C-alpha atoms as a PDB file:
ATOM      1  CA  VAL A   1      34.689 193.128  75.626  1.00  0.00           C
ATOM      2  CA  ARG A   2      37.883 194.326  73.932  1.00  0.00           C
ATOM      3  CA  SER A   3      38.907 196.241  77.080  1.00  0.00           C
ATOM      4  CA  MET A   4      38.245 193.209  79.265  1.00  0.00           C
ATOM      5  CA  LEU A   5      40.338 190.989  76.971  1.00  0.00           C
ATOM      6  CA  GLU A   6      43.195 193.507  76.888  1.00  0.00           C
ATOM      7  CA  LEU A   7      43.111 193.822  80.665  1.00  0.00           C
ATOM      8  CA  SER A   8      43.147 190.044  81.034  1.00  0.00           C
ATOM      9  CA  ARG A   9      46.196 189.786  78.737  1.00  0.00           C
ATOM     10  CA  ILE A  10      48.023 192.439  80.756  1.00  0.00           C
ATOM     11  CA  GLU A  11      47.191 191.010  84.166  1.00  0.00           C
ATOM     12  CA  THR A  12      48.101 187.435  83.235  1.00  0.00           C
ATOM     13  CA  GLY A  13      51.415 188.548  81.780  1.00  0.00           C
ATOM     14  CA  GLU A  14      50.443 187.563  78.238  1.00  0.00           C
ATOM     15  CA  ALA A  15      51.009 191.122  77.042  1.00  0.00           C
ATOM     16  CA  LYS A  16      54.741 191.154  76.475  1.00  0.00           C
ATOM     17  CA  ILE A  17      56.589 194.380  75.866  1.00  0.00           C
ATOM     18  CA  VAL A  18      58.430 194.356  72.551  1.00  0.00           C
ATOM     19  CA  LYS A  19      60.411 197.583  72.550  1.00  0.00           C
ATOM     20  CA  LYS A  20      61.539 199.425  69.475  1.00  0.00           C
ATOM     21  CA  GLN A  21      62.342 203.039  68.721  1.00  0.00           C
ATOM     22  CA  PHE A  22      59.631 205.082  67.025  1.00  0.00           C
ATOM     23  CA  ASN A  23      58.459 208.667  66.640  1.00  0.00           C
ATOM     24  CA  ILE A  24      55.612 209.164  69.106  1.00  0.00           C
ATOM     25  CA  VAL A  25      54.439 212.328  67.293  1.00  0.00           C
ATOM     26  CA  ASP A  26      53.750 210.217  64.188  1.00  0.00           C
ATOM     27  CA  LEU A  27      51.894 207.678  66.327  1.00  0.00           C
ATOM     28  CA  ALA A  28      49.699 210.434  67.814  1.00  0.00           C
ATOM     29  CA  CYS A  29      48.923 211.765  64.308  1.00  0.00           C
ATOM     30  CA  GLN A  30      48.029 208.304  63.022  1.00  0.00           C
ATOM     31  CA  THR A  31      45.842 207.648  66.056  1.00  0.00           C
ATOM     32  CA  LEU A  32      44.006 210.944  65.699  1.00  0.00           C
ATOM     33  CA  PHE A  33      42.971 210.055  62.130  1.00  0.00           C
ATOM     34  CA  SER A  34      40.621 207.410  63.531  1.00  0.00           C
ATOM     35  CA  PHE A  35      38.723 210.231  65.281  1.00  0.00           C
ATOM     36  CA  GLU A  36      38.470 212.463  62.195  1.00  0.00           C
ATOM     37  CA  LYS A  37      34.665 212.379  61.945  1.00  0.00           C
ATOM     38  CA  ALA A  38      34.115 213.244  65.617  1.00  0.00           C
ATOM     39  CA  VAL A  39      36.765 215.988  65.437  1.00  0.00           C
ATOM     40  CA  ASN A  40      35.045 217.516  62.396  1.00  0.00           C
ATOM     41  CA  ASP A  41      31.544 217.121  63.863  1.00  0.00           C
ATOM     42  CA  LYS A  42      32.603 218.995  67.017  1.00  0.00           C
ATOM     43  CA  HIS A  43      34.586 221.632  65.050  1.00  0.00           C
ATOM     44  CA  LEU A  44      37.688 221.032  67.142  1.00  0.00           C
ATOM     45  CA  GLU A  45      41.040 222.752  66.918  1.00  0.00           C
ATOM     46  CA  ILE A  46      43.892 220.229  67.064  1.00  0.00           C
ATOM     47  CA  ARG A  47      47.185 221.495  68.473  1.00  0.00           C
ATOM     48  CA  GLY A  48      50.667 220.017  68.780  1.00  0.00           C
ATOM     49  CA  LEU A  49      50.778 217.672  65.818  1.00  0.00           C
ATOM     50  CA  ASP A  50      53.309 219.885  64.016  1.00  0.00           C
ATOM     51  CA  HIS A  51      55.935 219.108  66.653  1.00  0.00           C
ATOM     52  CA  GLU A  52      59.350 217.843  65.612  1.00  0.00           C
ATOM     53  CA  ARG A  53      60.276 214.182  65.972  1.00  0.00           C
ATOM     54  CA  VAL A  54      60.172 212.771  69.482  1.00  0.00           C
ATOM     55  CA  MET A  55      61.761 209.350  69.618  1.00  0.00           C
ATOM     56  CA  VAL A  56      60.777 206.877  72.319  1.00  0.00           C
ATOM     57  CA  GLU A  57      61.721 203.264  72.935  1.00  0.00           C
ATOM     58  CA  ALA A  58      58.641 201.295  73.889  1.00  0.00           C
ATOM     59  CA  ASP A  59      56.141 198.757  72.639  1.00  0.00           C
ATOM     60  CA  GLU A  60      54.495 200.661  69.784  1.00  0.00           C
ATOM     61  CA  ASP A  61      51.245 198.663  69.897  1.00  0.00           C
ATOM     62  CA  LEU A  62      50.807 199.163  73.642  1.00  0.00           C
ATOM     63  CA  ILE A  63      51.657 202.883  73.457  1.00  0.00           C
ATOM     64  CA  HIS A  64      49.173 203.177  70.583  1.00  0.00           C
ATOM     65  CA  GLN A  65      46.558 201.799  73.007  1.00  0.00           C
ATOM     66  CA  VAL A  66      47.568 204.467  75.559  1.00  0.00           C
ATOM     67  CA  ILE A  67      47.299 207.316  73.048  1.00  0.00           C
ATOM     68  CA  TYR A  68      44.087 205.884  71.590  1.00  0.00           C
ATOM     69  CA  ASN A  69      42.384 205.672  75.008  1.00  0.00           C
ATOM     70  CA  LEU A  70      43.521 209.177  76.025  1.00  0.00           C
ATOM     71  CA  THR A  71      42.456 210.645  72.673  1.00  0.00           C
ATOM     72  CA  ASP A  72      39.124 208.807  72.829  1.00  0.00           C
ATOM     73  CA  ASN A  73      38.401 210.398  76.215  1.00  0.00           C
ATOM     74  CA  ALA A  74      39.571 213.821  75.013  1.00  0.00           C
ATOM     75  CA  VAL A  75      37.240 213.659  71.994  1.00  0.00           C
ATOM     76  CA  LYS A  76      34.283 212.435  74.095  1.00  0.00           C
ATOM     77  CA  PHE A  77      34.576 215.115  76.747  1.00  0.00           C
ATOM     78  CA  VAL A  78      35.809 218.166  74.820  1.00  0.00           C
ATOM     79  CA  ASN A  79      33.336 221.005  74.372  1.00  0.00           C
ATOM     80  CA  ASP A  80      32.011 221.743  70.862  1.00  0.00           C
ATOM     81  CA  GLY A  81      34.362 224.225  69.180  1.00  0.00           C
ATOM     82  CA  GLY A  82      37.056 223.463  71.741  1.00  0.00           C
ATOM     83  CA  TYR A  83      40.546 222.085  71.358  1.00  0.00           C
ATOM     84  CA  ILE A  84      42.618 218.976  71.854  1.00  0.00           C
ATOM     85  CA  GLU A  85      46.320 219.569  72.368  1.00  0.00           C
ATOM     86  CA  PHE A  86      49.267 217.170  72.248  1.00  0.00           C
ATOM     87  CA  ASN A  87      52.533 218.187  73.870  1.00  0.00           C
ATOM     88  CA  TYR A  88      55.927 216.503  74.188  1.00  0.00           C
ATOM     89  CA  THR A  89      58.769 217.389  76.560  1.00  0.00           C
ATOM     90  CA  SER A  90      61.826 215.620  77.953  1.00  0.00           C
ATOM     91  CA  ASP A  91      64.187 215.856  80.881  1.00  0.00           C
ATOM     92  CA  ASN A  92      67.294 213.808  81.677  1.00  0.00           C
ATOM     93  CA  ASN A  93      65.256 210.706  82.541  1.00  0.00           C
ATOM     94  CA  ASN A  94      61.868 210.783  80.808  1.00  0.00           C
ATOM     95  CA  THR A  95      59.920 211.821  77.767  1.00  0.00           C
ATOM     96  CA  TYR A  96      56.521 213.271  78.701  1.00  0.00           C
ATOM     97  CA  VAL A  97      53.495 213.127  76.433  1.00  0.00           C
ATOM     98  CA  SER A  98      50.378 215.087  77.266  1.00  0.00           C
ATOM     99  CA  VAL A  99      46.868 214.980  75.845  1.00  0.00           C
ATOM    100  CA  LYS A 100      44.808 217.989  76.907  1.00  0.00           C
ATOM    101  CA  ASN A 101      41.292 219.041  76.022  1.00  0.00           C
ATOM    102  CA  SER A 102      39.177 222.060  76.764  1.00  0.00           C
ATOM    103  CA  GLY A 103      35.831 221.499  78.402  1.00  0.00           C
ATOM    104  CA  GLN A 104      34.265 220.518  81.690  1.00  0.00           C
ATOM    105  CA  GLY A 105      37.363 218.979  83.287  1.00  0.00           C
ATOM    106  CA  LEU A 106      37.357 216.828  86.405  1.00  0.00           C
ATOM    107  CA  SER A 107      36.661 217.611  90.049  1.00  0.00           C
ATOM    108  CA  ARG A 108      39.291 216.906  92.731  1.00  0.00           C
ATOM    109  CA  GLU A 109      37.268 213.895  93.869  1.00  0.00           C
ATOM    110  CA  GLU A 110      37.123 212.503  90.326  1.00  0.00           C
ATOM    111  CA  ILE A 111      40.873 212.986  89.839  1.00  0.00           C
ATOM    112  CA  THR A 112      41.601 210.707  92.799  1.00  0.00           C
ATOM    113  CA  LYS A 113      39.479 207.902  91.305  1.00  0.00           C
ATOM    114  CA  VAL A 114      39.880 208.291  87.548  1.00  0.00           C
ATOM    115  CA  PHE A 115      42.510 205.511  87.194  1.00  0.00           C
ATOM    116  CA  ASP A 116      40.528 203.031  89.307  1.00  0.00           C
ATOM    117  CA  ARG A 117      39.204 199.935  87.613  1.00  0.00           C
ATOM    118  CA  PHE A 118      35.545 200.311  86.488  1.00  0.00           C
ATOM    119  CA  TYR A 119      35.349 203.960  87.636  1.00  0.00           C
ATOM    120  CA  LYS A 120      33.198 206.272  85.537  1.00  0.00           C
ATOM    121  CA  THR A 121      32.358 209.856  86.400  1.00  0.00           C
ATOM    122  CA  ASP A 122      28.710 210.885  86.486  1.00  0.00           C
ATOM    123  CA  ARG A 123      29.289 212.849  83.285  1.00  0.00           C
ATOM    124  CA  SER A 124      30.965 209.849  81.668  1.00  0.00           C
ATOM    125  CA  ARG A 125      27.989 207.633  82.443  1.00  0.00           C
ATOM    126  CA  GLY A 126      25.753 210.017  80.514  1.00  0.00           C
ATOM    127  CA  LEU A 127      28.053 210.572  77.524  1.00  0.00           C
ATOM    128  CA  ASP A 128      29.560 207.113  77.078  1.00  0.00           C
ATOM    129  CA  LYS A 129      27.084 204.248  77.169  1.00  0.00           C
ATOM    130  CA  ASN A 130      29.585 201.735  75.737  1.00  0.00           C
ATOM    131  CA  GLY A 131      32.546 202.146  78.096  1.00  0.00           C
ATOM    132  CA  VAL A 132      32.906 200.179  81.311  1.00  0.00           C
ATOM    133  CA  GLY A 133      35.495 202.351  83.052  1.00  0.00           C
ATOM    134  CA  LEU A 134      38.603 200.360  82.140  1.00  0.00           C
ATOM    135  CA  GLY A 135      40.289 202.661  79.603  1.00  0.00           C
ATOM    136  CA  LEU A 136      42.301 204.777  82.031  1.00  0.00           C
ATOM    137  CA  TYR A 137      43.070 201.791  84.244  1.00  0.00           C
ATOM    138  CA  ILE A 138      44.556 200.053  81.188  1.00  0.00           C
ATOM    139  CA  VAL A 139      46.465 203.224  80.251  1.00  0.00           C
ATOM    140  CA  ARG A 140      48.062 203.446  83.703  1.00  0.00           C
ATOM    141  CA  THR A 141      48.901 199.732  83.695  1.00  0.00           C
ATOM    142  CA  ILE A 142      50.615 199.921  80.283  1.00  0.00           C
ATOM    143  CA  VAL A 143      52.564 203.068  81.191  1.00  0.00           C
ATOM    144  CA  ASN A 144      53.673 201.474  84.480  1.00  0.00           C
ATOM    145  CA  MET A 145      54.765 198.323  82.594  1.00  0.00           C
ATOM    146  CA  HIS A 146      57.132 200.577  80.617  1.00  0.00           C
ATOM    147  CA  GLY A 147      58.625 202.091  83.777  1.00  0.00           C
ATOM    148  CA  GLY A 148      56.689 205.328  83.381  1.00  0.00           C
ATOM    149  CA  ASP A 149      53.926 207.106  85.252  1.00  0.00           C
ATOM    150  CA  ILE A 150      50.765 209.043  84.426  1.00  0.00           C
ATOM    151  CA  ILE A 151      49.106 211.992  86.124  1.00  0.00           C
ATOM    152  CA  VAL A 152      46.020 214.066  85.488  1.00  0.00           C
ATOM    153  CA  LYS A 153      45.701 217.826  85.835  1.00  0.00           C
ATOM    154  CA  SER A 154      42.370 219.577  85.563  1.00  0.00           C
ATOM    155  CA  VAL A 155      40.566 222.821  86.246  1.00  0.00           C
ATOM    156  CA  GLU A 156      36.800 222.360  86.339  1.00  0.00           C
ATOM    157  CA  GLY A 157      35.085 224.214  83.534  1.00  0.00           C
ATOM    158  CA  GLU A 158      38.378 224.818  81.673  1.00  0.00           C
ATOM    159  CA  TYR A 159      40.444 221.761  80.761  1.00  0.00           C
ATOM    160  CA  CYS A 160      41.624 218.253  81.537  1.00  0.00           C
ATOM    161  CA  GLU A 161      45.175 217.048  80.819  1.00  0.00           C
ATOM    162  CA  PHE A 162      46.709 213.591  81.069  1.00  0.00           C
ATOM    163  CA  VAL A 163      50.518 213.445  81.105  1.00  0.00           C
ATOM    164  CA  PHE A 164      52.383 210.163  80.857  1.00  0.00           C
ATOM    165  CA  SER A 165      56.095 209.489  80.942  1.00  0.00           C
ATOM    166  CA  LEU A 166      58.330 206.942  79.291  1.00  0.00           C
ATOM    167  CA  PRO A 167      62.003 206.438  80.129  1.00  0.00           C
ATOM    168  CA  ILE A 168      64.171 208.445  77.757  1.00  0.00           C
ATOM    169  CA  VAL A 169      65.892 206.715  74.851  1.00  0.00           C
ATOM    170  CA  ARG A 170      69.524 206.247  75.818  1.00  0.00           C
ATOM    171  CA  GLN A 171      72.169 206.161  73.129  1.00  0.00           C
ATOM    172  CA  SER A 172      74.504 203.247  73.476  1.00  0.00           C
ATOM    173  CA  LYS A 173      77.751 204.174  75.219  1.00  0.00           C
ATOM    174  CA  PHE A 174      79.628 201.440  73.420  1.00  0.00           C
ATOM    175  CA  ILE A 175      80.702 201.734  69.846  1.00  0.00           C
ATOM    176  CA  SER A 176      81.397 198.422  68.245  1.00  0.00           C
ATOM    177  CA  LYS A 177      84.921 198.169  66.883  1.00  0.00           C
ATOM    178  CA  ARG A 178      85.517 196.462  63.617  1.00  0.00           C
ATOM    179  CA  ASN A 179      87.628 193.378  63.876  1.00  0.00           C
ATOM    180  CA  THR A 180      90.735 193.951  61.861  1.00  0.00           C
ATOM    181  CA  PRO A 181      93.270 191.244  61.220  1.00  0.00           C
ATOM    182  CA  LYS A 182      96.526 191.628  63.112  1.00  0.00           C
ATOM    183  CA  ASN A 183      99.711 191.869  61.145  1.00  0.00           C
ATOM    184  CA  GLU A 184     101.868 188.843  61.717  1.00  0.00           C
END
């Protein structure tokens, strides 16, 4: 129900982007805490949370939803004793955030459909009885709303990695000058 409501808000334009600068590494750490029990139960190694600050300018609540959905999938589909890895890189235009997990991965056919509305892989149907196949659709929609993109890379039987981009934070080119009184 929550996914359907969120999707409705996005599609009707009710979900407004309120951008601010924040450290996306901190957001990933905070998000991961909500999965602590599952991470411990599966004896997972968590990588990439010791990364330096990575500042982005985006809607923090919406990007939290992106990281939450990607982390939720990573925790569901990682193999016991496996790993979940967060990575952050930038180029001249974008900051890239990746969430990668070891495990079964996705087939080429699944990769082409994974962002479709209501799509669930056969494996997903067996492991996730509560989901309706909207999580990744919502992720892509939110990332696109921010001017970014998302891709998936996978090798069956090894890993699955989702990489999303956000436009890089630009420093203002204009420095405000103090108004000083003119001498008369």
